[in-house]
Amino acid sequence: QVQLVQSGGGLVQAGGSLRLSCAASGVTFTRYAMGWFRQAPGKEREFVAAIRWSDGSTVYAESVKGRFTVSRENAKNTVSLQMNSLKPEDTAVYYCAAEFLGSRSYIPRVRHDYDYWGQGTQVTVSS
């Protein structure tokens, strides 16, 4: 059974940085994609970034490209989201997610493509 446990997050001023981590367990993640999503109050959960575990390929939402970096650490089975130049509009609950890719070559960006989810962590950016 896939388990995802998140850590990190908190309160930061605009322009600051935060790092989120997602510890994954339960399966071998070589054929998985790991995604990050966020949900602000009153809004839909939206895609932020994702990484294909096998080769480290990444995709990003336009709103975070150049500011956020997703990475994985194989030895620790951990995926991280480094967030720099944070803006108040980045305030949200952030979720990591996992999806078994099988034979798919693309990295999913849609919430409903992901089957496993972390518990969520709050990120608040003050202006």
C-alpha atoms as a PDB file:
ATOM      1  CA  GLN A   1       0.000   0.000   0.000  1.00  0.00           C
ATOM      2  CA  VAL A   2       1.374   3.364  -1.044  1.00  0.00           C
ATOM      3  CA  GLN A   3       1.845   5.843   1.779  1.00  0.00           C
ATOM      4  CA  LEU A   4       2.856   9.465   1.380  1.00  0.00           C
ATOM      5  CA  VAL A   5       3.855  11.528   4.406  1.00  0.00           C
ATOM      6  CA  GLN A   6       4.464  15.224   3.929  1.00  0.00           C
ATOM      7  CA  SER A   7       6.611  17.628   5.898  1.00  0.00           C
ATOM      8  CA  GLY A   8       7.653  21.237   5.610  1.00  0.00           C
ATOM      9  CA  GLY A   9       5.531  24.253   4.862  1.00  0.00           C
ATOM     10  CA  GLY A  10       4.661  27.125   7.164  1.00  0.00           C
ATOM     11  CA  LEU A  11       4.564  30.905   7.068  1.00  0.00           C
ATOM     12  CA  VAL A  12       6.960  33.019   5.026  1.00  0.00           C
ATOM     13  CA  GLN A  13       7.123  36.564   3.733  1.00  0.00           C
ATOM     14  CA  ALA A  14       6.748  37.316   0.059  1.00  0.00           C
ATOM     15  CA  GLY A  15      10.006  36.714  -1.752  1.00  0.00           C
ATOM     16  CA  GLY A  16      11.052  34.025   0.681  1.00  0.00           C
ATOM     17  CA  SER A  17      11.567  30.303   0.239  1.00  0.00           C
ATOM     18  CA  LEU A  18      10.154  27.080   1.617  1.00  0.00           C
ATOM     19  CA  ARG A  19      10.819  23.420   0.978  1.00  0.00           C
ATOM     20  CA  LEU A  20       8.209  20.689   1.089  1.00  0.00           C
ATOM     21  CA  SER A  21       9.056  17.010   1.334  1.00  0.00           C
ATOM     22  CA  CYS A  22       7.056  13.878   0.669  1.00  0.00           C
ATOM     23  CA  ALA A  23       8.301  10.569   2.045  1.00  0.00           C
ATOM     24  CA  ALA A  24       6.974   7.686  -0.018  1.00  0.00           C
ATOM     25  CA  SER A  25       6.704   4.062   1.053  1.00  0.00           C
ATOM     26  CA  GLY A  26       4.906   0.837   0.276  1.00  0.00           C
ATOM     27  CA  VAL A  27       6.065   0.082  -3.255  1.00  0.00           C
ATOM     28  CA  THR A  28       9.040   0.565  -5.538  1.00  0.00           C
ATOM     29  CA  PHE A  29       8.436   3.928  -7.143  1.00  0.00           C
ATOM     30  CA  THR A  30      10.532   3.462 -10.272  1.00  0.00           C
ATOM     31  CA  ARG A  31       7.432   3.372 -12.498  1.00  0.00           C
ATOM     32  CA  TYR A  32       5.568   6.123 -10.726  1.00  0.00           C
ATOM     33  CA  ALA A  33       5.013   9.814 -11.273  1.00  0.00           C
ATOM     34  CA  MET A  34       5.023  12.034  -8.218  1.00  0.00           C
ATOM     35  CA  GLY A  35       2.994  15.200  -8.358  1.00  0.00           C
ATOM     36  CA  TRP A  36       2.454  18.311  -6.292  1.00  0.00           C
ATOM     37  CA  PHE A  37      -0.907  20.051  -6.196  1.00  0.00           C
ATOM     38  CA  ARG A  38      -2.278  22.928  -4.188  1.00  0.00           C
ATOM     39  CA  GLN A  39      -5.672  24.121  -3.084  1.00  0.00           C
ATOM     40  CA  ALA A  40      -6.436  27.645  -1.959  1.00  0.00           C
ATOM     41  CA  PRO A  41      -9.605  28.434   0.001  1.00  0.00           C
ATOM     42  CA  GLY A  42     -12.643  28.379  -2.251  1.00  0.00           C
ATOM     43  CA  LYS A  43     -10.683  27.145  -5.244  1.00  0.00           C
ATOM     44  CA  GLU A  44     -10.180  23.870  -7.041  1.00  0.00           C
ATOM     45  CA  ARG A  45      -7.088  21.787  -6.389  1.00  0.00           C
ATOM     46  CA  GLU A  46      -4.599  22.695  -9.084  1.00  0.00           C
ATOM     47  CA  PHE A  47      -1.496  21.124 -10.534  1.00  0.00           C
ATOM     48  CA  VAL A  48       1.852  22.592  -9.489  1.00  0.00           C
ATOM     49  CA  ALA A  49       4.628  20.245 -10.606  1.00  0.00           C
ATOM     50  CA  ALA A  50       5.434  16.602 -11.170  1.00  0.00           C
ATOM     51  CA  ILE A  51       8.406  14.323 -11.682  1.00  0.00           C
ATOM     52  CA  ARG A  52       8.791  10.943 -13.296  1.00  0.00           C
ATOM     53  CA  TRP A  53      10.708   8.837 -10.846  1.00  0.00           C
ATOM     54  CA  SER A  54      12.487   6.681 -13.425  1.00  0.00           C
ATOM     55  CA  ASP A  55      14.390   9.417 -15.221  1.00  0.00           C
ATOM     56  CA  GLY A  56      13.747  12.590 -13.232  1.00  0.00           C
ATOM     57  CA  SER A  57      11.803  14.325 -16.010  1.00  0.00           C
ATOM     58  CA  THR A  58       9.749  17.209 -14.689  1.00  0.00           C
ATOM     59  CA  VAL A  59       6.766  19.335 -15.662  1.00  0.00           C
ATOM     60  CA  TYR A  60       5.520  22.565 -14.102  1.00  0.00           C
ATOM     61  CA  ALA A  61       2.496  24.794 -14.091  1.00  0.00           C
ATOM     62  CA  GLU A  62       3.176  28.090 -15.838  1.00  0.00           C
ATOM     63  CA  SER A  63       2.470  29.999 -12.640  1.00  0.00           C
ATOM     64  CA  VAL A  64       5.423  28.406 -10.815  1.00  0.00           C
ATOM     65  CA  LYS A  65       7.879  27.774 -13.634  1.00  0.00           C
ATOM     66  CA  GLY A  66      11.258  29.271 -12.820  1.00  0.00           C
ATOM     67  CA  ARG A  67      10.427  29.623  -9.123  1.00  0.00           C
ATOM     68  CA  PHE A  68       9.654  26.075  -7.997  1.00  0.00           C
ATOM     69  CA  THR A  69      11.786  22.967  -8.440  1.00  0.00           C
ATOM     70  CA  VAL A  70      10.633  19.389  -7.949  1.00  0.00           C
ATOM     71  CA  SER A  71      13.222  16.704  -7.284  1.00  0.00           C
ATOM     72  CA  ARG A  72      13.519  13.181  -5.973  1.00  0.00           C
ATOM     73  CA  GLU A  73      16.057  11.484  -3.762  1.00  0.00           C
ATOM     74  CA  ASN A  74      16.161   7.800  -4.558  1.00  0.00           C
ATOM     75  CA  ALA A  75      18.046   6.680  -1.462  1.00  0.00           C
ATOM     76  CA  LYS A  76      15.417   8.205   0.815  1.00  0.00           C
ATOM     77  CA  ASN A  77      12.369   7.589  -1.385  1.00  0.00           C
ATOM     78  CA  THR A  78      11.571  11.253  -0.996  1.00  0.00           C
ATOM     79  CA  VAL A  79      10.241  13.864  -3.361  1.00  0.00           C
ATOM     80  CA  SER A  80      10.758  17.544  -2.603  1.00  0.00           C
ATOM     81  CA  LEU A  81       9.348  20.818  -3.823  1.00  0.00           C
ATOM     82  CA  GLN A  82      11.683  23.768  -3.421  1.00  0.00           C
ATOM     83  CA  MET A  83       9.705  26.994  -3.599  1.00  0.00           C
ATOM     84  CA  ASN A  84      11.555  30.259  -4.147  1.00  0.00           C
ATOM     85  CA  SER A  85      10.402  33.820  -4.757  1.00  0.00           C
ATOM     86  CA  LEU A  86       7.126  33.010  -3.082  1.00  0.00           C
ATOM     87  CA  LYS A  87       4.116  35.225  -3.680  1.00  0.00           C
ATOM     88  CA  PRO A  88       0.942  35.720  -1.628  1.00  0.00           C
ATOM     89  CA  GLU A  89      -0.990  33.937  -4.369  1.00  0.00           C
ATOM     90  CA  ASP A  90       1.053  30.801  -3.638  1.00  0.00           C
ATOM     91  CA  THR A  91      -0.780  30.509  -0.325  1.00  0.00           C
ATOM     92  CA  ALA A  92      -2.582  27.178  -0.240  1.00  0.00           C
ATOM     93  CA  VAL A  93      -2.612  23.688   1.179  1.00  0.00           C
ATOM     94  CA  TYR A  94      -0.063  21.687  -0.792  1.00  0.00           C
ATOM     95  CA  TYR A  95      -0.468  17.995  -1.510  1.00  0.00           C
ATOM     96  CA  CYS A  96       1.916  15.426  -2.887  1.00  0.00           C
ATOM     97  CA  ALA A  97       0.497  12.610  -4.958  1.00  0.00           C
ATOM     98  CA  ALA A  98       1.625   9.386  -6.622  1.00  0.00           C
ATOM     99  CA  GLU A  99       0.458   7.625  -9.748  1.00  0.00           C
ATOM    100  CA  PHE A 100       1.584   4.364 -11.263  1.00  0.00           C
ATOM    101  CA  LEU A 101       2.478   5.110 -14.869  1.00  0.00           C
ATOM    102  CA  GLY A 102       2.612   1.627 -16.289  1.00  0.00           C
ATOM    103  CA  SER A 103       3.235   2.015 -20.012  1.00  0.00           C
ATOM    104  CA  ARG A 104       2.311   5.694 -20.145  1.00  0.00           C
ATOM    105  CA  SER A 105       5.087   7.974 -21.351  1.00  0.00           C
ATOM    106  CA  TYR A 106       3.552  11.279 -20.283  1.00  0.00           C
ATOM    107  CA  ILE A 107       3.606  12.770 -16.784  1.00  0.00           C
ATOM    108  CA  PRO A 108       0.050  13.342 -15.532  1.00  0.00           C
ATOM    109  CA  ARG A 109      -1.021  16.870 -14.640  1.00  0.00           C
ATOM    110  CA  VAL A 110      -4.627  16.202 -13.790  1.00  0.00           C
ATOM    111  CA  ARG A 111      -5.764  15.680 -10.246  1.00  0.00           C
ATOM    112  CA  HIS A 112      -7.925  12.690 -11.098  1.00  0.00           C
ATOM    113  CA  ASP A 113      -4.979  10.869 -12.668  1.00  0.00           C
ATOM    114  CA  TYR A 114      -3.387  10.434  -9.258  1.00  0.00           C
ATOM    115  CA  ASP A 115      -4.501   7.638  -6.971  1.00  0.00           C
ATOM    116  CA  TYR A 116      -2.464   8.257  -3.827  1.00  0.00           C
ATOM    117  CA  TRP A 117      -2.269  11.437  -1.786  1.00  0.00           C
ATOM    118  CA  GLY A 118      -0.374  12.885   1.129  1.00  0.00           C
ATOM    119  CA  GLN A 119      -2.075  14.538   4.061  1.00  0.00           C
ATOM    120  CA  GLY A 120      -1.500  18.103   2.875  1.00  0.00           C
ATOM    121  CA  THR A 121       0.542  20.895   4.384  1.00  0.00           C
ATOM    122  CA  GLN A 122      -0.241  24.586   4.719  1.00  0.00           C
ATOM    123  CA  VAL A 123       1.888  27.198   2.997  1.00  0.00           C
ATOM    124  CA  THR A 124       1.121  30.818   3.823  1.00  0.00           C
ATOM    125  CA  VAL A 125       2.893  33.707   2.124  1.00  0.00           C
ATOM    126  CA  SER A 126       2.397  37.112   3.692  1.00  0.00           C
ATOM    127  CA  SER A 127       2.670  40.322   1.716  1.00  0.00           C
END
